[in-house]
Structure formats: structure tokens, C-alpha cells
Amino acid sequence: MATREASKYATKVVRPLLSSDKSEAKKRVLHLYKTFYRQIPLMLFDRHLPVTKEECQNKLKEEFLKNKHITDVRIIDMLVIKVSGKTI
């Protein structure tokens, strides 16, 4: 019975995916955002897309702001890994 009570209040310690704290995760997200932002002119030139650079920049910002509410470092890292694996 005592072990049942102890396990009721115990927390599980999890290993981080990439970042050890929230500030490191924020740096990874900003680095990813800047990398995509710098690739926009090259992407438009290579693919001959019928959109402006400003429209692409606004869409990129919109996509990153969709996940602004996420605060769990492991989920942030998972999203960074997921997006980093995709090709532009």
C-alpha cells in the first residue's frame, strides 16, 4: 500500500531530445526560422513560384506562430527535428 501511495506522487524524469532547457530550445527555433527565412529568395528563384518574397515571409511567420503556445521543451525539440528533416 505504501508503494502505491509513493508512486501516486512520484514524477517521471525524462531525458531531453536536444535541448536541456527552454532557452536552448528557443535558440534552436530561432536558428531554424532564420535558416528558412534566408532560403526564401533562393527557393523563389529556383522554383519560379508565382508569389512575392513578402508573401513567403509572412507565411513562414504564420506557420511558426501556430506553435507559439507550446512550452514543453521535448515537444519543441520534436517539432524542430520534424521540420529540419523536410526539404524545402
N, C-alpha and C. Protein backbone atom coordinates (compact mmCIF):
# COMPACT_ATOMS: atom_id res chain seq x y z
N MET A 1 0.82 -1.19 0.00
CA MET A 1 0.00 0.00 0.00
C MET A 1 0.86 1.26 0.00
N ALA A 2 2.01 1.17 0.70
CA ALA A 2 2.90 2.33 0.78
C ALA A 2 3.50 2.65 -0.59
N THR A 3 3.81 1.63 -1.38
CA THR A 3 4.38 1.88 -2.70
C THR A 3 3.35 2.49 -3.63
N ARG A 4 2.11 2.13 -3.45
CA ARG A 4 1.05 2.71 -4.26
C ARG A 4 0.92 4.21 -3.97
N GLU A 5 1.00 4.59 -2.72
CA GLU A 5 0.93 6.00 -2.33
C GLU A 5 2.15 6.76 -2.84
N ALA A 6 3.32 6.16 -2.75
CA ALA A 6 4.55 6.82 -3.20
C ALA A 6 4.52 7.03 -4.71
N SER A 7 4.06 6.03 -5.44
CA SER A 7 4.03 6.16 -6.89
C SER A 7 2.97 7.16 -7.35
N LYS A 8 2.00 7.39 -6.53
CA LYS A 8 0.94 8.34 -6.86
C LYS A 8 1.50 9.76 -6.95
N TYR A 9 2.51 10.08 -6.13
CA TYR A 9 3.07 11.42 -6.08
C TYR A 9 4.41 11.54 -6.78
N ALA A 10 4.94 10.46 -7.29
CA ALA A 10 6.23 10.49 -7.96
C ALA A 10 6.08 11.08 -9.36
N THR A 11 7.13 11.72 -9.81
CA THR A 11 7.14 12.24 -11.16
C THR A 11 8.17 11.48 -11.97
N LYS A 12 7.92 11.38 -13.23
CA LYS A 12 8.82 10.66 -14.11
C LYS A 12 9.85 11.65 -14.68
N VAL A 13 11.11 11.31 -14.57
CA VAL A 13 12.18 12.13 -15.12
C VAL A 13 12.45 11.63 -16.53
N VAL A 14 12.38 12.55 -17.49
CA VAL A 14 12.58 12.16 -18.88
C VAL A 14 13.85 12.80 -19.42
N ARG A 15 14.46 12.13 -20.36
CA ARG A 15 15.68 12.63 -20.98
C ARG A 15 15.31 13.60 -22.10
N PRO A 16 15.98 14.74 -22.20
CA PRO A 16 15.66 15.68 -23.28
C PRO A 16 16.07 15.14 -24.65
N LEU A 17 15.36 15.56 -25.69
CA LEU A 17 15.71 15.14 -27.05
C LEU A 17 16.95 15.87 -27.54
N LEU A 18 16.91 17.19 -27.54
CA LEU A 18 18.04 18.00 -27.99
C LEU A 18 18.42 19.05 -26.95
N SER A 19 17.45 19.82 -26.51
CA SER A 19 17.68 20.96 -25.64
C SER A 19 17.56 20.57 -24.18
N SER A 20 18.42 21.17 -23.37
CA SER A 20 18.38 20.87 -21.94
C SER A 20 17.44 21.81 -21.19
N ASP A 21 17.15 22.98 -21.76
CA ASP A 21 16.22 23.91 -21.11
C ASP A 21 15.49 24.72 -22.18
N LYS A 22 14.58 25.56 -21.71
CA LYS A 22 13.72 26.31 -22.63
C LYS A 22 14.50 27.33 -23.46
N SER A 23 15.52 27.95 -22.88
CA SER A 23 16.29 28.95 -23.63
C SER A 23 17.06 28.30 -24.78
N GLU A 24 17.57 27.11 -24.56
CA GLU A 24 18.27 26.40 -25.63
C GLU A 24 17.30 26.00 -26.74
N ALA A 25 16.11 25.59 -26.37
CA ALA A 25 15.09 25.24 -27.36
C ALA A 25 14.70 26.47 -28.18
N LYS A 26 14.59 27.60 -27.50
CA LYS A 26 14.25 28.86 -28.20
C LYS A 26 15.33 29.21 -29.22
N LYS A 27 16.60 29.02 -28.85
CA LYS A 27 17.70 29.30 -29.78
C LYS A 27 17.61 28.40 -31.00
N ARG A 28 17.25 27.13 -30.79
CA ARG A 28 17.12 26.21 -31.92
C ARG A 28 15.99 26.64 -32.86
N VAL A 29 14.88 27.07 -32.29
CA VAL A 29 13.75 27.52 -33.10
C VAL A 29 14.12 28.77 -33.89
N LEU A 30 14.77 29.73 -33.24
CA LEU A 30 15.18 30.95 -33.93
C LEU A 30 16.18 30.66 -35.04
N HIS A 31 17.09 29.73 -34.79
CA HIS A 31 18.06 29.35 -35.82
C HIS A 31 17.34 28.72 -37.02
N LEU A 32 16.38 27.86 -36.76
CA LEU A 32 15.61 27.24 -37.83
C LEU A 32 14.82 28.28 -38.61
N TYR A 33 14.20 29.22 -37.89
CA TYR A 33 13.42 30.28 -38.55
C TYR A 33 14.32 31.12 -39.45
N LYS A 34 15.48 31.52 -38.95
CA LYS A 34 16.40 32.34 -39.74
C LYS A 34 16.92 31.58 -40.96
N THR A 35 17.14 30.29 -40.80
CA THR A 35 17.61 29.48 -41.92
C THR A 35 16.55 29.43 -43.02
N PHE A 36 15.31 29.18 -42.65
CA PHE A 36 14.23 29.18 -43.65
C PHE A 36 14.05 30.56 -44.27
N TYR A 37 14.14 31.60 -43.45
CA TYR A 37 13.96 32.97 -43.93
C TYR A 37 15.00 33.32 -44.99
N ARG A 38 16.24 32.89 -44.77
CA ARG A 38 17.31 33.16 -45.74
C ARG A 38 17.14 32.35 -47.01
N GLN A 39 16.44 31.22 -46.95
CA GLN A 39 16.26 30.37 -48.12
C GLN A 39 15.13 30.83 -49.04
N ILE A 40 14.29 31.73 -48.57
CA ILE A 40 13.13 32.15 -49.36
C ILE A 40 13.52 32.70 -50.73
N PRO A 41 14.46 33.66 -50.83
CA PRO A 41 14.81 34.16 -52.19
C PRO A 41 15.34 33.06 -53.11
N LEU A 42 16.14 32.15 -52.58
CA LEU A 42 16.67 31.06 -53.42
C LEU A 42 15.56 30.12 -53.87
N MET A 43 14.64 29.85 -52.96
CA MET A 43 13.52 28.97 -53.29
C MET A 43 12.66 29.60 -54.39
N LEU A 44 12.39 30.88 -54.28
CA LEU A 44 11.59 31.57 -55.29
C LEU A 44 12.30 31.60 -56.64
N PHE A 45 13.60 31.78 -56.62
CA PHE A 45 14.37 31.80 -57.87
C PHE A 45 14.40 30.43 -58.52
N ASP A 46 14.67 29.39 -57.73
CA ASP A 46 14.79 28.03 -58.27
C ASP A 46 13.46 27.46 -58.76
N ARG A 47 12.40 27.72 -58.06
CA ARG A 47 11.12 27.08 -58.36
C ARG A 47 10.17 27.94 -59.18
N HIS A 48 10.51 29.19 -59.41
CA HIS A 48 9.68 30.10 -60.21
C HIS A 48 8.24 30.14 -59.70
N LEU A 49 8.11 30.37 -58.41
CA LEU A 49 6.78 30.40 -57.79
C LEU A 49 6.09 31.74 -58.04
N PRO A 50 4.78 31.75 -58.22
CA PRO A 50 4.06 32.98 -58.51
C PRO A 50 3.65 33.75 -57.25
N VAL A 51 4.54 33.85 -56.29
CA VAL A 51 4.29 34.61 -55.07
C VAL A 51 5.46 35.53 -54.82
N THR A 52 5.22 36.56 -54.01
CA THR A 52 6.29 37.50 -53.71
C THR A 52 7.09 37.03 -52.50
N LYS A 53 8.24 37.64 -52.35
CA LYS A 53 9.10 37.32 -51.20
C LYS A 53 8.39 37.66 -49.89
N GLU A 54 7.67 38.77 -49.87
CA GLU A 54 6.96 39.20 -48.67
C GLU A 54 5.86 38.23 -48.29
N GLU A 55 5.15 37.70 -49.29
CA GLU A 55 4.11 36.71 -49.02
C GLU A 55 4.71 35.44 -48.40
N CYS A 56 5.84 35.02 -48.90
CA CYS A 56 6.51 33.84 -48.34
C CYS A 56 6.98 34.10 -46.92
N GLN A 57 7.52 35.28 -46.68
CA GLN A 57 7.98 35.63 -45.34
C GLN A 57 6.82 35.67 -44.35
N ASN A 58 5.70 36.21 -44.79
CA ASN A 58 4.51 36.27 -43.93
C ASN A 58 3.97 34.86 -43.64
N LYS A 59 3.98 34.01 -44.64
CA LYS A 59 3.52 32.63 -44.45
C LYS A 59 4.44 31.86 -43.50
N LEU A 60 5.74 32.07 -43.64
CA LEU A 60 6.70 31.44 -42.74
C LEU A 60 6.44 31.88 -41.30
N LYS A 61 6.25 33.16 -41.11
CA LYS A 61 5.97 33.69 -39.77
C LYS A 61 4.68 33.10 -39.22
N GLU A 62 3.66 33.02 -40.06
CA GLU A 62 2.37 32.46 -39.66
C GLU A 62 2.51 31.00 -39.20
N GLU A 63 3.29 30.22 -39.96
CA GLU A 63 3.48 28.81 -39.62
C GLU A 63 4.23 28.64 -38.30
N PHE A 64 5.21 29.48 -38.05
CA PHE A 64 5.94 29.39 -36.79
C PHE A 64 5.08 29.87 -35.62
N LEU A 65 4.24 30.86 -35.84
CA LEU A 65 3.40 31.37 -34.76
C LEU A 65 2.26 30.41 -34.40
N LYS A 66 1.96 29.45 -35.27
CA LYS A 66 0.95 28.44 -34.95
C LYS A 66 1.33 27.64 -33.71
N ASN A 67 2.62 27.48 -33.48
CA ASN A 67 3.11 26.66 -32.37
C ASN A 67 3.67 27.52 -31.23
N LYS A 68 3.32 28.77 -31.20
CA LYS A 68 3.83 29.69 -30.19
C LYS A 68 3.41 29.28 -28.77
N HIS A 69 2.27 28.68 -28.63
CA HIS A 69 1.73 28.32 -27.32
C HIS A 69 2.41 27.11 -26.68
N ILE A 70 3.22 26.38 -27.42
CA ILE A 70 3.86 25.17 -26.90
C ILE A 70 5.02 25.56 -25.99
N THR A 71 5.01 25.01 -24.77
CA THR A 71 6.04 25.34 -23.79
C THR A 71 6.90 24.14 -23.38
N ASP A 72 6.45 22.93 -23.67
CA ASP A 72 7.21 21.73 -23.31
C ASP A 72 8.44 21.60 -24.20
N VAL A 73 9.62 21.55 -23.58
CA VAL A 73 10.88 21.53 -24.32
C VAL A 73 10.98 20.30 -25.23
N ARG A 74 10.50 19.16 -24.77
CA ARG A 74 10.58 17.94 -25.59
C ARG A 74 9.71 18.06 -26.85
N ILE A 75 8.56 18.66 -26.73
CA ILE A 75 7.68 18.83 -27.89
C ILE A 75 8.29 19.83 -28.86
N ILE A 76 8.87 20.91 -28.34
CA ILE A 76 9.54 21.90 -29.19
C ILE A 76 10.67 21.23 -29.96
N ASP A 77 11.49 20.44 -29.27
CA ASP A 77 12.58 19.72 -29.93
C ASP A 77 12.05 18.76 -30.99
N MET A 78 10.97 18.06 -30.69
CA MET A 78 10.38 17.13 -31.64
C MET A 78 9.93 17.87 -32.91
N LEU A 79 9.32 19.02 -32.74
CA LEU A 79 8.88 19.80 -33.90
C LEU A 79 10.06 20.32 -34.71
N VAL A 80 11.12 20.74 -34.04
CA VAL A 80 12.32 21.21 -34.74
C VAL A 80 12.92 20.07 -35.56
N ILE A 81 13.01 18.89 -34.96
CA ILE A 81 13.55 17.73 -35.67
C ILE A 81 12.67 17.38 -36.87
N LYS A 82 11.37 17.41 -36.65
CA LYS A 82 10.41 17.07 -37.70
C LYS A 82 10.53 18.02 -38.89
N VAL A 83 10.63 19.31 -38.61
CA VAL A 83 10.72 20.31 -39.67
C VAL A 83 12.10 20.29 -40.33
N SER A 84 13.15 20.05 -39.56
CA SER A 84 14.51 20.02 -40.10
C SER A 84 14.70 18.88 -41.10
N GLY A 85 13.96 17.81 -40.92
CA GLY A 85 14.08 16.66 -41.80
C GLY A 85 13.43 16.86 -43.15
N LYS A 86 12.52 17.82 -43.25
CA LYS A 86 11.84 18.07 -44.52
C LYS A 86 12.72 18.92 -45.41
N THR A 87 12.60 18.71 -46.70
CA THR A 87 13.33 19.54 -47.65
C THR A 87 12.45 20.70 -48.08
N ILE A 88 13.09 21.77 -48.35
CA ILE A 88 12.35 22.98 -48.76
C ILE A 88 11.94 22.86 -50.20
